Amino acid sequence: MELMKPAIRVKITQVRSSIDCPRRQRDTLRALGLRRRMHVVEKEVNPAILGMLRVVSHLVKIERVS
């Protein structure tokens, strides 16, 4: 029987506006659940989320949740 590792969670805060950003970046912010500056969401880390964060890394702040 395998023991499941606890999922790593991150807190994502949008710190810069999406105005004048390419459409792909705006869509990625929306897919992450971010709607406006200073909006915060918590997500479990997986390859899809990591790819999204790489696309918008200059617009968000990422913190690990313990």
PDB file of N, CA and C in Angstrom:
ATOM      1  N   MET A   1       0.848  -1.177   0.000  1.00  0.00           N
ATOM      2  CA  MET A   1       0.000   0.000   0.000  1.00  0.00           C
ATOM      3  C   MET A   1       0.896   1.243   0.000  1.00  0.00           C
ATOM      4  N   GLU A   2       0.667   2.120  -0.948  1.00  0.00           N
ATOM      5  CA  GLU A   2       1.469   3.343  -1.041  1.00  0.00           C
ATOM      6  C   GLU A   2       0.879   4.437  -0.167  1.00  0.00           C
ATOM      7  N   LEU A   3       1.769   5.160   0.470  1.00  0.00           N
ATOM      8  CA  LEU A   3       1.327   6.323   1.238  1.00  0.00           C
ATOM      9  C   LEU A   3       1.346   7.529   0.326  1.00  0.00           C
ATOM     10  N   MET A   4       0.273   8.272   0.325  1.00  0.00           N
ATOM     11  CA  MET A   4       0.209   9.462  -0.515  1.00  0.00           C
ATOM     12  C   MET A   4       0.930  10.617   0.168  1.00  0.00           C
ATOM     13  N   LYS A   5       1.746  11.324  -0.608  1.00  0.00           N
ATOM     14  CA  LYS A   5       2.410  12.503  -0.078  1.00  0.00           C
ATOM     15  C   LYS A   5       1.387  13.626   0.026  1.00  0.00           C
ATOM     16  N   PRO A   6       1.477  14.444   1.060  1.00  0.00           N
ATOM     17  CA  PRO A   6       0.566  15.586   1.119  1.00  0.00           C
ATOM     18  C   PRO A   6       0.847  16.537  -0.040  1.00  0.00           C
ATOM     19  N   ALA A   7      -0.198  17.037  -0.642  1.00  0.00           N
ATOM     20  CA  ALA A   7      -0.045  17.938  -1.787  1.00  0.00           C
ATOM     21  C   ALA A   7       0.552  19.271  -1.330  1.00  0.00           C
ATOM     22  N   ILE A   8       1.441  19.791  -2.134  1.00  0.00           N
ATOM     23  CA  ILE A   8       2.019  21.103  -1.856  1.00  0.00           C
ATOM     24  C   ILE A   8       1.031  22.155  -2.329  1.00  0.00           C
ATOM     25  N   ARG A   9       0.754  23.121  -1.482  1.00  0.00           N
ATOM     26  CA  ARG A   9      -0.176  24.193  -1.832  1.00  0.00           C
ATOM     27  C   ARG A   9       0.592  25.512  -1.909  1.00  0.00           C
ATOM     28  N   VAL A  10       0.173  26.371  -2.822  1.00  0.00           N
ATOM     29  CA  VAL A  10       0.778  27.694  -2.949  1.00  0.00           C
ATOM     30  C   VAL A  10      -0.318  28.752  -2.919  1.00  0.00           C
ATOM     31  N   LYS A  11       0.061  29.909  -2.390  1.00  0.00           N
ATOM     32  CA  LYS A  11      -0.828  31.072  -2.398  1.00  0.00           C
ATOM     33  C   LYS A  11      -0.347  31.978  -3.519  1.00  0.00           C
ATOM     34  N   ILE A  12      -1.237  32.302  -4.443  1.00  0.00           N
ATOM     35  CA  ILE A  12      -0.888  33.105  -5.611  1.00  0.00           C
ATOM     36  C   ILE A  12      -1.609  34.445  -5.490  1.00  0.00           C
ATOM     37  N   THR A  13      -0.845  35.531  -5.552  1.00  0.00           N
ATOM     38  CA  THR A  13      -1.394  36.884  -5.460  1.00  0.00           C
ATOM     39  C   THR A  13      -1.071  37.621  -6.743  1.00  0.00           C
ATOM     40  N   GLN A  14      -2.084  38.199  -7.371  1.00  0.00           N
ATOM     41  CA  GLN A  14      -1.840  39.016  -8.564  1.00  0.00           C
ATOM     42  C   GLN A  14      -1.367  40.382  -8.092  1.00  0.00           C
ATOM     43  N   VAL A  15      -0.133  40.755  -8.453  1.00  0.00           N
ATOM     44  CA  VAL A  15       0.438  42.017  -7.980  1.00  0.00           C
ATOM     45  C   VAL A  15       0.520  43.067  -9.078  1.00  0.00           C
ATOM     46  N   ARG A  16       0.372  42.673 -10.336  1.00  0.00           N
ATOM     47  CA  ARG A  16       0.400  43.633 -11.437  1.00  0.00           C
ATOM     48  C   ARG A  16      -0.858  43.466 -12.280  1.00  0.00           C
ATOM     49  N   SER A  17      -1.259  44.542 -12.903  1.00  0.00           N
ATOM     50  CA  SER A  17      -2.464  44.539 -13.716  1.00  0.00           C
ATOM     51  C   SER A  17      -2.251  43.766 -15.016  1.00  0.00           C
ATOM     52  N   SER A  18      -3.342  43.225 -15.542  1.00  0.00           N
ATOM     53  CA  SER A  18      -3.277  42.513 -16.812  1.00  0.00           C
ATOM     54  C   SER A  18      -3.581  43.436 -17.995  1.00  0.00           C
ATOM     55  N   ILE A  19      -3.812  44.708 -17.723  1.00  0.00           N
ATOM     56  CA  ILE A  19      -4.047  45.664 -18.807  1.00  0.00           C
ATOM     57  C   ILE A  19      -2.802  45.728 -19.681  1.00  0.00           C
ATOM     58  N   ASP A  20      -2.983  45.708 -20.961  1.00  0.00           N
ATOM     59  CA  ASP A  20      -1.903  45.790 -21.955  1.00  0.00           C
ATOM     60  C   ASP A  20      -1.011  44.545 -21.979  1.00  0.00           C
ATOM     61  N   CYS A  21      -1.496  43.433 -21.422  1.00  0.00           N
ATOM     62  CA  CYS A  21      -0.789  42.155 -21.516  1.00  0.00           C
ATOM     63  C   CYS A  21      -1.368  41.374 -22.686  1.00  0.00           C
ATOM     64  N   PRO A  22      -0.595  40.467 -23.249  1.00  0.00           N
ATOM     65  CA  PRO A  22      -1.131  39.625 -24.316  1.00  0.00           C
ATOM     66  C   PRO A  22      -2.340  38.818 -23.836  1.00  0.00           C
ATOM     67  N   ARG A  23      -3.225  38.513 -24.754  1.00  0.00           N
ATOM     68  CA  ARG A  23      -4.460  37.794 -24.442  1.00  0.00           C
ATOM     69  C   ARG A  23      -4.174  36.468 -23.723  1.00  0.00           C
ATOM     70  N   ARG A  24      -3.123  35.786 -24.135  1.00  0.00           N
ATOM     71  CA  ARG A  24      -2.781  34.495 -23.526  1.00  0.00           C
ATOM     72  C   ARG A  24      -2.505  34.651 -22.038  1.00  0.00           C
ATOM     73  N   GLN A  25      -1.827  35.712 -21.648  1.00  0.00           N
ATOM     74  CA  GLN A  25      -1.527  35.934 -20.234  1.00  0.00           C
ATOM     75  C   GLN A  25      -2.792  36.293 -19.464  1.00  0.00           C
ATOM     76  N   ARG A  26      -3.661  37.089 -20.038  1.00  0.00           N
ATOM     77  CA  ARG A  26      -4.932  37.425 -19.371  1.00  0.00           C
ATOM     78  C   ARG A  26      -5.769  36.165 -19.163  1.00  0.00           C
ATOM     79  N   ASP A  27      -5.811  35.313 -20.191  1.00  0.00           N
ATOM     80  CA  ASP A  27      -6.564  34.065 -20.084  1.00  0.00           C
ATOM     81  C   ASP A  27      -5.967  33.147 -19.022  1.00  0.00           C
ATOM     82  N   THR A  28      -4.651  33.139 -18.907  1.00  0.00           N
ATOM     83  CA  THR A  28      -3.992  32.306 -17.903  1.00  0.00           C
ATOM     84  C   THR A  28      -4.319  32.796 -16.496  1.00  0.00           C
ATOM     85  N   LEU A  29      -4.310  34.110 -16.285  1.00  0.00           N
ATOM     86  CA  LEU A  29      -4.691  34.655 -14.976  1.00  0.00           C
ATOM     87  C   LEU A  29      -6.121  34.253 -14.628  1.00  0.00           C
ATOM     88  N   ARG A  30      -7.008  34.338 -15.603  1.00  0.00           N
ATOM     89  CA  ARG A  30      -8.415  33.970 -15.371  1.00  0.00           C
ATOM     90  C   ARG A  30      -8.525  32.482 -15.038  1.00  0.00           C
ATOM     91  N   ALA A  31      -7.753  31.638 -15.741  1.00  0.00           N
ATOM     92  CA  ALA A  31      -7.783  30.198 -15.482  1.00  0.00           C
ATOM     93  C   ALA A  31      -7.259  29.863 -14.082  1.00  0.00           C
ATOM     94  N   LEU A  32      -6.347  30.675 -13.576  1.00  0.00           N
ATOM     95  CA  LEU A  32      -5.856  30.493 -12.209  1.00  0.00           C
ATOM     96  C   LEU A  32      -6.862  30.988 -11.171  1.00  0.00           C
ATOM     97  N   GLY A  33      -7.877  31.714 -11.611  1.00  0.00           N
ATOM     98  CA  GLY A  33      -8.893  32.227 -10.695  1.00  0.00           C
ATOM     99  C   GLY A  33      -8.630  33.643 -10.233  1.00  0.00           C
ATOM    100  N   LEU A  34      -7.674  34.322 -10.866  1.00  0.00           N
ATOM    101  CA  LEU A  34      -7.333  35.691 -10.474  1.00  0.00           C
ATOM    102  C   LEU A  34      -8.132  36.681 -11.311  1.00  0.00           C
ATOM    103  N   ARG A  35      -8.771  37.630 -10.662  1.00  0.00           N
ATOM    104  CA  ARG A  35      -9.652  38.562 -11.353  1.00  0.00           C
ATOM    105  C   ARG A  35      -9.154  40.004 -11.360  1.00  0.00           C
ATOM    106  N   ARG A  36      -8.387  40.375 -10.344  1.00  0.00           N
ATOM    107  CA  ARG A  36      -7.950  41.776 -10.232  1.00  0.00           C
ATOM    108  C   ARG A  36      -6.671  41.836  -9.400  1.00  0.00           C
ATOM    109  N   ARG A  37      -6.044  42.996  -9.367  1.00  0.00           N
ATOM    110  CA  ARG A  37      -4.841  43.167  -8.550  1.00  0.00           C
ATOM    111  C   ARG A  37      -5.148  42.865  -7.090  1.00  0.00           C
ATOM    112  N   MET A  38      -4.183  42.275  -6.425  1.00  0.00           N
ATOM    113  CA  MET A  38      -4.243  41.926  -5.004  1.00  0.00           C
ATOM    114  C   MET A  38      -5.255  40.815  -4.693  1.00  0.00           C
ATOM    115  N   HIS A  39      -5.785  40.172  -5.712  1.00  0.00           N
ATOM    116  CA  HIS A  39      -6.655  39.015  -5.516  1.00  0.00           C
ATOM    117  C   HIS A  39      -5.772  37.814  -5.188  1.00  0.00           C
ATOM    118  N   VAL A  40      -6.195  36.987  -4.238  1.00  0.00           N
ATOM    119  CA  VAL A  40      -5.393  35.857  -3.776  1.00  0.00           C
ATOM    120  C   VAL A  40      -6.178  34.565  -3.945  1.00  0.00           C
ATOM    121  N   VAL A  41      -5.500  33.534  -4.456  1.00  0.00           N
ATOM    122  CA  VAL A  41      -6.084  32.193  -4.539  1.00  0.00           C
ATOM    123  C   VAL A  41      -5.063  31.187  -4.027  1.00  0.00           C
ATOM    124  N   GLU A  42      -5.548  30.046  -3.572  1.00  0.00           N
ATOM    125  CA  GLU A  42      -4.676  28.945  -3.157  1.00  0.00           C
ATOM    126  C   GLU A  42      -4.901  27.787  -4.114  1.00  0.00           C
ATOM    127  N   LYS A  43      -3.808  27.182  -4.562  1.00  0.00           N
ATOM    128  CA  LYS A  43      -3.878  26.062  -5.502  1.00  0.00           C
ATOM    129  C   LYS A  43      -2.926  24.964  -5.064  1.00  0.00           C
ATOM    130  N   GLU A  44      -3.282  23.713  -5.409  1.00  0.00           N
ATOM    131  CA  GLU A  44      -2.354  22.605  -5.232  1.00  0.00           C
ATOM    132  C   GLU A  44      -1.408  22.596  -6.423  1.00  0.00           C
ATOM    133  N   VAL A  45      -0.147  22.327  -6.159  1.00  0.00           N
ATOM    134  CA  VAL A  45       0.862  22.351  -7.216  1.00  0.00           C
ATOM    135  C   VAL A  45       0.780  21.068  -8.040  1.00  0.00           C
ATOM    136  N   ASN A  46       0.728  21.230  -9.353  1.00  0.00           N
ATOM    137  CA  ASN A  46       0.815  20.125 -10.299  1.00  0.00           C
ATOM    138  C   ASN A  46       1.463  20.679 -11.561  1.00  0.00           C
ATOM    139  N   PRO A  47       1.821  19.844 -12.510  1.00  0.00           N
ATOM    140  CA  PRO A  47       2.520  20.347 -13.700  1.00  0.00           C
ATOM    141  C   PRO A  47       1.743  21.421 -14.463  1.00  0.00           C
ATOM    142  N   ALA A  48       0.434  21.313 -14.521  1.00  0.00           N
ATOM    143  CA  ALA A  48      -0.361  22.310 -15.241  1.00  0.00           C
ATOM    144  C   ALA A  48      -0.281  23.676 -14.555  1.00  0.00           C
ATOM    145  N   ILE A  49      -0.408  23.688 -13.244  1.00  0.00           N
ATOM    146  CA  ILE A  49      -0.331  24.947 -12.485  1.00  0.00           C
ATOM    147  C   ILE A  49       1.059  25.553 -12.610  1.00  0.00           C
ATOM    148  N   LEU A  50       2.100  24.718 -12.557  1.00  0.00           N
ATOM    149  CA  LEU A  50       3.465  25.232 -12.689  1.00  0.00           C
ATOM    150  C   LEU A  50       3.672  25.890 -14.055  1.00  0.00           C
ATOM    151  N   GLY A  51       3.116  25.307 -15.102  1.00  0.00           N
ATOM    152  CA  GLY A  51       3.226  25.899 -16.430  1.00  0.00           C
ATOM    153  C   GLY A  51       2.509  27.229 -16.505  1.00  0.00           C
ATOM    154  N   MET A  52       1.324  27.318 -15.902  1.00  0.00           N
ATOM    155  CA  MET A  52       0.582  28.580 -15.893  1.00  0.00           C
ATOM    156  C   MET A  52       1.346  29.654 -15.134  1.00  0.00           C
ATOM    157  N   LEU A  53       1.940  29.274 -14.006  1.00  0.00           N
ATOM    158  CA  LEU A  53       2.687  30.252 -13.211  1.00  0.00           C
ATOM    159  C   LEU A  53       3.912  30.751 -13.954  1.00  0.00           C
ATOM    160  N   ARG A  54       4.525  29.895 -14.760  1.00  0.00           N
ATOM    161  CA  ARG A  54       5.688  30.322 -15.540  1.00  0.00           C
ATOM    162  C   ARG A  54       5.269  31.376 -16.572  1.00  0.00           C
ATOM    163  N   VAL A  55       4.086  31.234 -17.149  1.00  0.00           N
ATOM    164  CA  VAL A  55       3.613  32.185 -18.169  1.00  0.00           C
ATOM    165  C   VAL A  55       3.369  33.569 -17.571  1.00  0.00           C
ATOM    166  N   VAL A  56       2.867  33.622 -16.330  1.00  0.00           N
ATOM    167  CA  VAL A  56       2.495  34.914 -15.729  1.00  0.00           C
ATOM    168  C   VAL A  56       3.361  35.258 -14.513  1.00  0.00           C
ATOM    169  N   SER A  57       4.561  34.723 -14.447  1.00  0.00           N
ATOM    170  CA  SER A  57       5.402  34.918 -13.258  1.00  0.00           C
ATOM    171  C   SER A  57       5.703  36.382 -12.971  1.00  0.00           C
ATOM    172  N   HIS A  58       5.703  37.226 -13.999  1.00  0.00           N
ATOM    173  CA  HIS A  58       5.994  38.647 -13.806  1.00  0.00           C
ATOM    174  C   HIS A  58       4.777  39.422 -13.307  1.00  0.00           C
ATOM    175  N   LEU A  59       3.617  38.788 -13.240  1.00  0.00           N
ATOM    176  CA  LEU A  59       2.392  39.451 -12.790  1.00  0.00           C
ATOM    177  C   LEU A  59       1.924  38.985 -11.411  1.00  0.00           C
ATOM    178  N   VAL A  60       2.522  37.911 -10.890  1.00  0.00           N
ATOM    179  CA  VAL A  60       2.038  37.322  -9.647  1.00  0.00           C
ATOM    180  C   VAL A  60       3.160  37.157  -8.631  1.00  0.00           C
ATOM    181  N   LYS A  61       2.746  36.986  -7.366  1.00  0.00           N
ATOM    182  CA  LYS A  61       3.656  36.633  -6.275  1.00  0.00           C
ATOM    183  C   LYS A  61       3.213  35.265  -5.784  1.00  0.00           C
ATOM    184  N   ILE A  62       4.179  34.375  -5.582  1.00  0.00           N
ATOM    185  CA  ILE A  62       3.873  32.995  -5.198  1.00  0.00           C
ATOM    186  C   ILE A  62       4.489  32.705  -3.845  1.00  0.00           C
ATOM    187  N   GLU A  63       3.669  32.173  -2.932  1.00  0.00           N
ATOM    188  CA  GLU A  63       4.144  31.816  -1.591  1.00  0.00           C
ATOM    189  C   GLU A  63       3.687  30.399  -1.273  1.00  0.00           C
ATOM    190  N   ARG A  64       4.549  29.636  -0.642  1.00  0.00           N
ATOM    191  CA  ARG A  64       4.174  28.284  -0.241  1.00  0.00           C
ATOM    192  C   ARG A  64       3.322  28.349   1.021  1.00  0.00           C
ATOM    193  N   VAL A  65       2.265  27.567   1.050  1.00  0.00           N
ATOM    194  CA  VAL A  65       1.380  27.503   2.209  1.00  0.00           C
ATOM    195  C   VAL A  65       1.780  26.282   3.019  1.00  0.00           C
ATOM    196  N   SER A  66       2.000  26.471   4.316  1.00  0.00           N
ATOM    197  CA  SER A  66       2.425  25.334   5.145  1.00  0.00           C
ATOM    198  C   SER A  66       1.257  24.637   5.793  1.00  0.00           C
TER     199      SER A  66
END
